[in-house]
Amino acid sequence: MNQITSNVLIIGSGQSALLIGEALRSGGVRVDFVPDLKTRFATCSEGSYLASSSDLVLFAVDADDTLESAVLLQRLLPKTTPVIALQQGIRRLTWAAQAAPRLQWIRCVMAFDPARLLQSGGATWERRKLYLNDVPQTRHWRPLIEQAGFEVTLCDDMLSVQWGHLLLQFNALFRLVSGLEFEQMLAMRAWRNRYARVLDEALWLLGATGIKPWNLLGVPWRMVPMMLRQNDGMLVGLVSRQLTGSDAGLVDLSGADEKSMELAIDATCGEIMRLAVGLGVDAPRTVDLAEQLMVIGRRQTDKRMEATTEW
């Protein structure tokens, strides 16, 4: 296979971009890291040259900087440059694509937790699986991404994949709210029923909006609430294995402070609540879950402040 001449530009300091960027660099790809796009490129001609010579951009800026960074990036990059969005949630990519329509925005789902991989130095059993839009640019880059140690699946309907992955994140949210290991939580009927009701609400809203979430479990999503409600231990065990043993990694929120929790909620519960607003209906179960998560985030922040004061 011929070596692909390539220059990758990392915008932002998100853990996902750092992980993928370092992996590509170790595979021989030139990778430039720019943590703050506005500061570096707005005042530096070298930054403009760096952008204009880039063949691929990994976009992982802070959520609040999405629109401004996208607009600036479009001024610096050649038309149709591929930009892989590595931010949490679904709506931010839509905003970025609307703000910078001349770039080729690519949706991405990371079926692993970047933080866990970085902390372990890559020494973990977790598969490094990426789902990306199936477009000519990703077909071109796929060999180098796989050479860097990632399993790449190209999909025609990445929006569906993002929604399927979002539903899986309720696994991590309920684990945090319950204070239990996921298998222990599923062993308790009250928690199973509550989990099933939230999924019922989300699936109804998705169906009413015409969205079909990608099947990442090996069973259709519509069957999961039904399985959670069963008394039969065999069925409960099956859904437990499907939800905990899938290849779509879950983010660890156990130590998240108020700001981190707010971002995680916005990228999960927030997306569901926005569907409800668009339909003119309520999503009370999702709202209740989000409120409980914010309480946990505030407690974590208070604990850190107390620890700092004591120190």
Protein backbone atom coordinates (compact mmCIF):
# COMPACT_ATOMS: atom_id res chain seq x y z
CA MET A 1 0.00 0.00 0.00
CA ASN A 2 1.34 3.42 -0.93
CA GLN A 3 2.03 5.78 1.96
CA ILE A 4 -0.48 8.61 2.11
CA THR A 5 1.04 12.08 2.39
CA SER A 6 -0.83 13.56 5.30
CA ASN A 7 -0.94 16.48 7.71
CA VAL A 8 -3.41 16.41 10.58
CA LEU A 9 -4.39 19.47 12.58
CA ILE A 10 -5.82 19.00 16.09
CA ILE A 11 -8.02 21.91 17.21
CA GLY A 12 -8.78 22.01 20.93
CA SER A 13 -7.52 20.03 23.89
CA GLY A 14 -10.19 17.36 24.30
CA GLN A 15 -8.91 13.97 25.49
CA SER A 16 -10.33 12.23 22.43
CA ALA A 17 -8.33 14.45 20.06
CA LEU A 18 -5.15 14.03 22.09
CA LEU A 19 -5.52 10.25 22.07
CA ILE A 20 -6.22 9.92 18.35
CA GLY A 21 -3.66 12.57 17.43
CA GLU A 22 -0.84 10.91 19.38
CA ALA A 23 -1.75 7.52 17.91
CA LEU A 24 -1.59 8.94 14.37
CA ARG A 25 1.72 10.66 15.13
CA SER A 26 3.20 7.39 16.40
CA GLY A 27 2.20 5.87 13.06
CA GLY A 28 4.27 8.42 11.14
CA VAL A 29 1.60 11.03 10.39
CA ARG A 30 2.51 14.68 10.88
CA VAL A 31 0.21 16.00 13.60
CA ASP A 32 0.06 19.61 14.83
CA PHE A 33 -1.76 20.45 18.08
CA VAL A 34 -3.42 23.85 18.50
CA PRO A 35 -5.24 24.00 21.87
CA ASP A 36 -6.62 27.53 21.36
CA LEU A 37 -7.59 28.24 17.76
CA LYS A 38 -8.58 31.86 18.35
CA THR A 39 -5.32 32.87 20.03
CA ARG A 40 -2.96 30.96 17.73
CA PHE A 41 -4.47 31.67 14.33
CA ALA A 42 -5.90 35.13 14.81
CA THR A 43 -2.45 36.61 15.56
CA CYS A 44 0.00 34.30 13.82
CA SER A 45 0.74 33.93 10.11
CA GLU A 46 2.37 30.57 10.83
CA GLY A 47 -0.98 29.39 12.16
CA SER A 48 -2.70 30.36 8.91
CA TYR A 49 -0.09 28.44 6.92
CA LEU A 50 -0.50 25.45 9.23
CA ALA A 51 -4.24 25.41 8.62
CA SER A 52 -3.98 25.86 4.85
CA SER A 53 -1.58 22.90 4.56
CA SER A 54 -3.71 20.52 6.66
CA ASP A 55 -5.36 17.52 4.99
CA LEU A 56 -7.56 16.57 7.96
CA VAL A 57 -8.75 18.39 11.08
CA LEU A 58 -9.84 16.86 14.38
CA PHE A 59 -12.21 19.34 16.03
CA ALA A 60 -12.35 19.11 19.84
CA VAL A 61 -12.75 22.67 21.09
CA ASP A 62 -14.55 23.65 24.28
CA ALA A 63 -18.33 23.47 23.85
CA ASP A 64 -18.76 27.22 24.34
CA ASP A 65 -16.26 27.94 21.55
CA THR A 66 -17.90 25.75 18.91
CA LEU A 67 -19.48 28.41 16.69
CA GLU A 68 -16.69 30.97 16.84
CA SER A 69 -14.03 28.33 16.20
CA ALA A 70 -15.98 26.84 13.28
CA VAL A 71 -16.32 30.25 11.60
CA LEU A 72 -12.61 30.99 12.04
CA LEU A 73 -11.65 27.54 10.81
CA GLN A 74 -13.61 28.03 7.59
CA ARG A 75 -11.67 31.24 6.88
CA LEU A 76 -8.35 29.42 7.32
CA LEU A 77 -8.94 26.04 5.67
CA PRO A 78 -9.30 25.22 1.96
CA LYS A 79 -12.83 24.52 0.82
CA THR A 80 -14.14 20.96 1.53
CA THR A 81 -11.34 20.16 4.01
CA PRO A 82 -12.59 17.19 6.10
CA VAL A 83 -13.21 18.03 9.76
CA ILE A 84 -13.97 15.20 12.17
CA ALA A 85 -16.04 16.52 15.08
CA LEU A 86 -15.04 14.87 18.37
CA GLN A 87 -17.31 16.83 20.71
CA GLN A 88 -19.99 15.29 22.88
CA GLY A 89 -23.61 15.47 21.83
CA ILE A 90 -25.36 15.83 18.50
CA ARG A 91 -26.52 19.42 18.10
CA ARG A 92 -23.07 21.04 18.31
CA LEU A 93 -21.96 19.44 15.05
CA THR A 94 -25.14 20.69 13.40
CA TRP A 95 -24.35 24.20 14.62
CA ALA A 96 -20.75 23.97 13.44
CA ALA A 97 -21.78 22.70 9.99
CA GLN A 98 -24.26 25.56 9.63
CA ALA A 99 -21.66 28.12 10.73
CA ALA A 100 -18.99 26.75 8.36
CA PRO A 101 -20.83 25.04 5.47
CA ARG A 102 -17.85 25.08 3.06
CA LEU A 103 -15.99 22.51 5.16
CA GLN A 104 -16.67 18.77 5.05
CA TRP A 105 -17.97 18.04 8.55
CA ILE A 106 -17.78 14.40 9.60
CA ARG A 107 -19.73 12.88 12.47
CA CYS A 108 -17.85 10.56 14.78
CA VAL A 109 -18.81 8.17 17.57
CA MET A 110 -16.03 6.86 19.78
CA ALA A 111 -17.01 3.45 21.12
CA PHE A 112 -14.54 3.75 24.00
CA ASP A 113 -13.73 6.14 26.84
CA PRO A 114 -10.71 8.30 25.83
CA ALA A 115 -9.99 9.22 29.46
CA ARG A 116 -9.69 5.58 30.48
CA LEU A 117 -7.30 4.83 27.62
CA LEU A 118 -5.13 7.86 28.39
CA GLN A 119 -4.96 6.98 32.10
CA SER A 120 -3.92 3.42 31.32
CA GLY A 121 -1.39 4.47 28.68
CA GLY A 122 -3.34 2.33 26.20
CA ALA A 123 -2.93 -0.80 28.35
CA THR A 124 -6.59 -1.79 28.50
CA TRP A 125 -8.79 -4.47 26.98
CA GLU A 126 -11.21 -1.83 25.66
CA ARG A 127 -11.50 -1.82 21.89
CA ARG A 128 -10.65 1.41 20.09
CA LYS A 129 -13.61 1.51 17.76
CA LEU A 130 -14.63 4.56 15.72
CA TYR A 131 -17.80 5.07 13.72
CA LEU A 132 -17.44 7.68 10.95
CA ASN A 133 -19.50 9.00 8.04
CA ASP A 134 -18.95 6.90 4.94
CA VAL A 135 -17.62 9.57 2.56
CA PRO A 136 -14.61 9.64 0.19
CA GLN A 137 -12.49 11.50 2.75
CA THR A 138 -12.96 8.88 5.47
CA ARG A 139 -12.32 6.05 3.00
CA HIS A 140 -9.06 7.82 2.13
CA TRP A 141 -8.03 8.16 5.79
CA ARG A 142 -9.27 4.80 7.01
CA PRO A 143 -5.98 2.92 6.40
CA LEU A 144 -3.94 5.39 8.45
CA ILE A 145 -6.49 5.49 11.26
CA GLU A 146 -6.54 1.71 11.44
CA GLN A 147 -2.75 1.62 11.27
CA ALA A 148 -2.80 3.87 14.36
CA GLY A 149 -4.66 1.16 16.28
CA PHE A 150 -8.33 1.98 15.76
CA GLU A 151 -11.08 -0.20 14.36
CA VAL A 152 -13.06 1.93 11.89
CA THR A 153 -16.66 1.36 10.84
CA LEU A 154 -17.99 3.64 8.08
CA CYS A 155 -21.74 4.32 8.16
CA ASP A 156 -24.17 6.00 5.79
CA ASP A 157 -26.42 7.19 8.63
CA MET A 158 -24.15 8.51 11.36
CA LEU A 159 -26.96 10.50 12.96
CA SER A 160 -28.65 7.18 13.71
CA VAL A 161 -25.41 5.84 15.19
CA GLN A 162 -25.07 8.92 17.40
CA TRP A 163 -28.58 8.45 18.77
CA GLY A 164 -27.95 4.76 19.41
CA HIS A 165 -24.76 5.62 21.28
CA LEU A 166 -26.58 8.33 23.23
CA LEU A 167 -29.17 5.81 24.46
CA LEU A 168 -26.35 3.58 25.66
CA GLN A 169 -25.02 6.43 27.79
CA PHE A 170 -28.08 6.08 30.03
CA ASN A 171 -26.23 3.02 31.33
CA ALA A 172 -23.58 5.30 32.87
CA LEU A 173 -26.15 7.86 34.05
CA PHE A 174 -28.24 5.32 35.95
CA ARG A 175 -25.16 3.70 37.39
CA LEU A 176 -24.17 7.08 38.83
CA VAL A 177 -27.63 7.99 40.17
CA SER A 178 -28.15 4.58 41.78
CA GLY A 179 -24.72 4.50 43.39
CA LEU A 180 -24.48 0.84 42.43
CA GLU A 181 -22.54 -1.26 39.97
CA PHE A 182 -24.65 -1.69 36.84
CA GLU A 183 -25.26 -5.41 37.36
CA GLN A 184 -26.33 -4.73 40.97
CA MET A 185 -28.71 -2.02 39.80
CA LEU A 186 -30.30 -4.33 37.25
CA ALA A 187 -30.86 -6.93 39.96
CA MET A 188 -33.29 -4.50 41.65
CA ARG A 189 -36.74 -4.37 40.11
CA ALA A 190 -37.39 -0.73 41.09
CA TRP A 191 -34.26 0.47 39.26
CA ARG A 192 -35.00 -1.72 36.23
CA ASN A 193 -38.49 -0.24 35.96
CA ARG A 194 -37.21 3.30 36.27
CA TYR A 195 -34.58 2.66 33.61
CA ALA A 196 -37.23 1.14 31.35
CA ARG A 197 -39.53 4.17 31.75
CA VAL A 198 -36.76 6.59 30.74
CA LEU A 199 -35.96 4.47 27.68
CA ASP A 200 -39.68 4.28 26.81
CA GLU A 201 -39.87 8.07 26.90
CA ALA A 202 -36.73 8.53 24.80
CA LEU A 203 -37.75 5.90 22.24
CA TRP A 204 -41.23 7.40 21.89
CA LEU A 205 -39.75 10.85 21.24
CA LEU A 206 -37.28 9.43 18.71
CA GLY A 207 -40.06 7.55 16.95
CA ALA A 208 -42.29 10.63 16.84
CA THR A 209 -39.40 12.57 15.29
CA GLY A 210 -38.71 9.85 12.73
CA ILE A 211 -35.29 8.92 14.14
CA LYS A 212 -34.26 5.26 14.24
CA PRO A 213 -31.38 4.78 16.70
CA TRP A 214 -28.65 2.44 15.53
CA ASN A 215 -28.77 -1.05 17.02
CA LEU A 216 -25.55 -1.31 19.04
CA LEU A 217 -26.77 -4.05 21.37
CA GLY A 218 -27.50 -7.10 19.27
CA VAL A 219 -31.21 -6.69 20.10
CA PRO A 220 -33.62 -3.98 18.83
CA TRP A 221 -33.84 -0.96 21.12
CA ARG A 222 -37.62 -1.30 21.42
CA MET A 223 -37.12 -4.68 23.11
CA VAL A 224 -34.83 -3.39 25.87
CA PRO A 225 -37.53 -1.75 28.08
CA MET A 226 -39.63 -4.90 27.80
CA MET A 227 -36.68 -7.07 28.82
CA LEU A 228 -35.91 -4.81 31.76
CA ARG A 229 -39.44 -5.28 33.09
CA GLN A 230 -39.33 -9.07 33.01
CA ASN A 231 -39.24 -11.07 36.23
CA ASP A 232 -37.37 -13.84 34.46
CA GLY A 233 -33.75 -13.75 35.64
CA MET A 234 -32.59 -15.15 32.31
CA LEU A 235 -33.97 -12.18 30.38
CA VAL A 236 -32.61 -9.71 32.91
CA GLY A 237 -29.22 -11.40 32.64
CA LEU A 238 -29.37 -11.14 28.86
CA VAL A 239 -30.08 -7.41 28.83
CA SER A 240 -27.38 -6.93 31.46
CA ARG A 241 -24.83 -8.63 29.21
CA GLN A 242 -25.99 -6.66 26.19
CA LEU A 243 -25.83 -3.30 27.96
CA THR A 244 -22.52 -3.91 29.73
CA GLY A 245 -20.76 -6.01 27.12
CA SER A 246 -21.41 -3.97 23.99
CA ASP A 247 -18.51 -2.40 22.12
CA ALA A 248 -19.82 1.16 22.52
CA GLY A 249 -17.81 2.47 25.48
CA LEU A 250 -19.33 4.47 28.30
CA VAL A 251 -17.86 7.59 29.85
CA ASP A 252 -16.96 7.39 33.54
CA LEU A 253 -18.79 10.20 35.35
CA SER A 254 -18.06 9.08 38.90
CA GLY A 255 -15.72 12.01 39.56
CA ALA A 256 -17.44 14.64 37.40
CA ASP A 257 -17.79 18.10 38.92
CA GLU A 258 -20.70 20.46 38.27
CA LYS A 259 -19.38 21.81 34.95
CA SER A 260 -18.41 18.39 33.58
CA MET A 261 -21.74 16.95 34.68
CA GLU A 262 -23.63 19.80 33.03
CA LEU A 263 -21.88 19.07 29.72
CA ALA A 264 -22.57 15.33 30.04
CA ILE A 265 -26.24 15.98 30.81
CA ASP A 266 -26.56 18.39 27.89
CA ALA A 267 -25.10 15.76 25.53
CA THR A 268 -27.53 13.05 26.72
CA CYS A 269 -30.66 14.12 28.58
CA GLY A 270 -30.49 17.54 26.92
CA GLU A 271 -30.75 16.05 23.44
CA ILE A 272 -33.85 14.08 24.46
CA MET A 273 -35.43 17.13 26.10
CA ARG A 274 -34.86 19.18 22.93
CA LEU A 275 -36.76 16.55 20.95
CA ALA A 276 -39.66 16.99 23.37
CA VAL A 277 -39.57 20.78 23.02
CA GLY A 278 -39.62 20.42 19.23
CA LEU A 279 -42.74 18.24 19.48
CA GLY A 280 -44.42 20.48 22.05
CA VAL A 281 -44.55 17.76 24.72
CA ASP A 282 -42.90 17.09 28.06
CA ALA A 283 -40.16 14.60 28.99
CA PRO A 284 -40.64 14.39 32.79
CA ARG A 285 -38.62 11.21 33.35
CA THR A 286 -35.61 12.55 31.49
CA VAL A 287 -35.89 15.89 33.28
CA ASP A 288 -36.00 14.13 36.66
CA LEU A 289 -32.88 12.12 35.80
CA ALA A 290 -31.04 15.28 34.69
CA GLU A 291 -31.95 17.09 37.93
CA GLN A 292 -30.63 14.24 40.07
CA LEU A 293 -27.40 14.18 38.09
CA MET A 294 -26.91 17.92 38.61
CA VAL A 295 -27.29 17.42 42.37
CA ILE A 296 -24.51 14.84 42.22
CA GLY A 297 -22.31 17.21 40.18
CA ARG A 298 -22.80 20.03 42.69
CA ARG A 299 -21.89 17.70 45.55
CA GLN A 300 -18.69 16.72 43.77
CA THR A 301 -17.81 20.39 43.27
CA ASP A 302 -18.51 21.18 46.93
CA LYS A 303 -16.30 18.27 48.04
CA ARG A 304 -13.42 19.53 45.90
CA MET A 305 -13.78 23.05 47.25
CA GLU A 306 -13.83 21.76 50.83
CA ALA A 307 -10.74 19.63 50.18
CA THR A 308 -8.93 22.64 48.69
CA THR A 309 -9.90 24.84 51.67
CA GLU A 310 -8.70 22.24 54.17
CA TRP A 311 -5.41 21.86 52.32
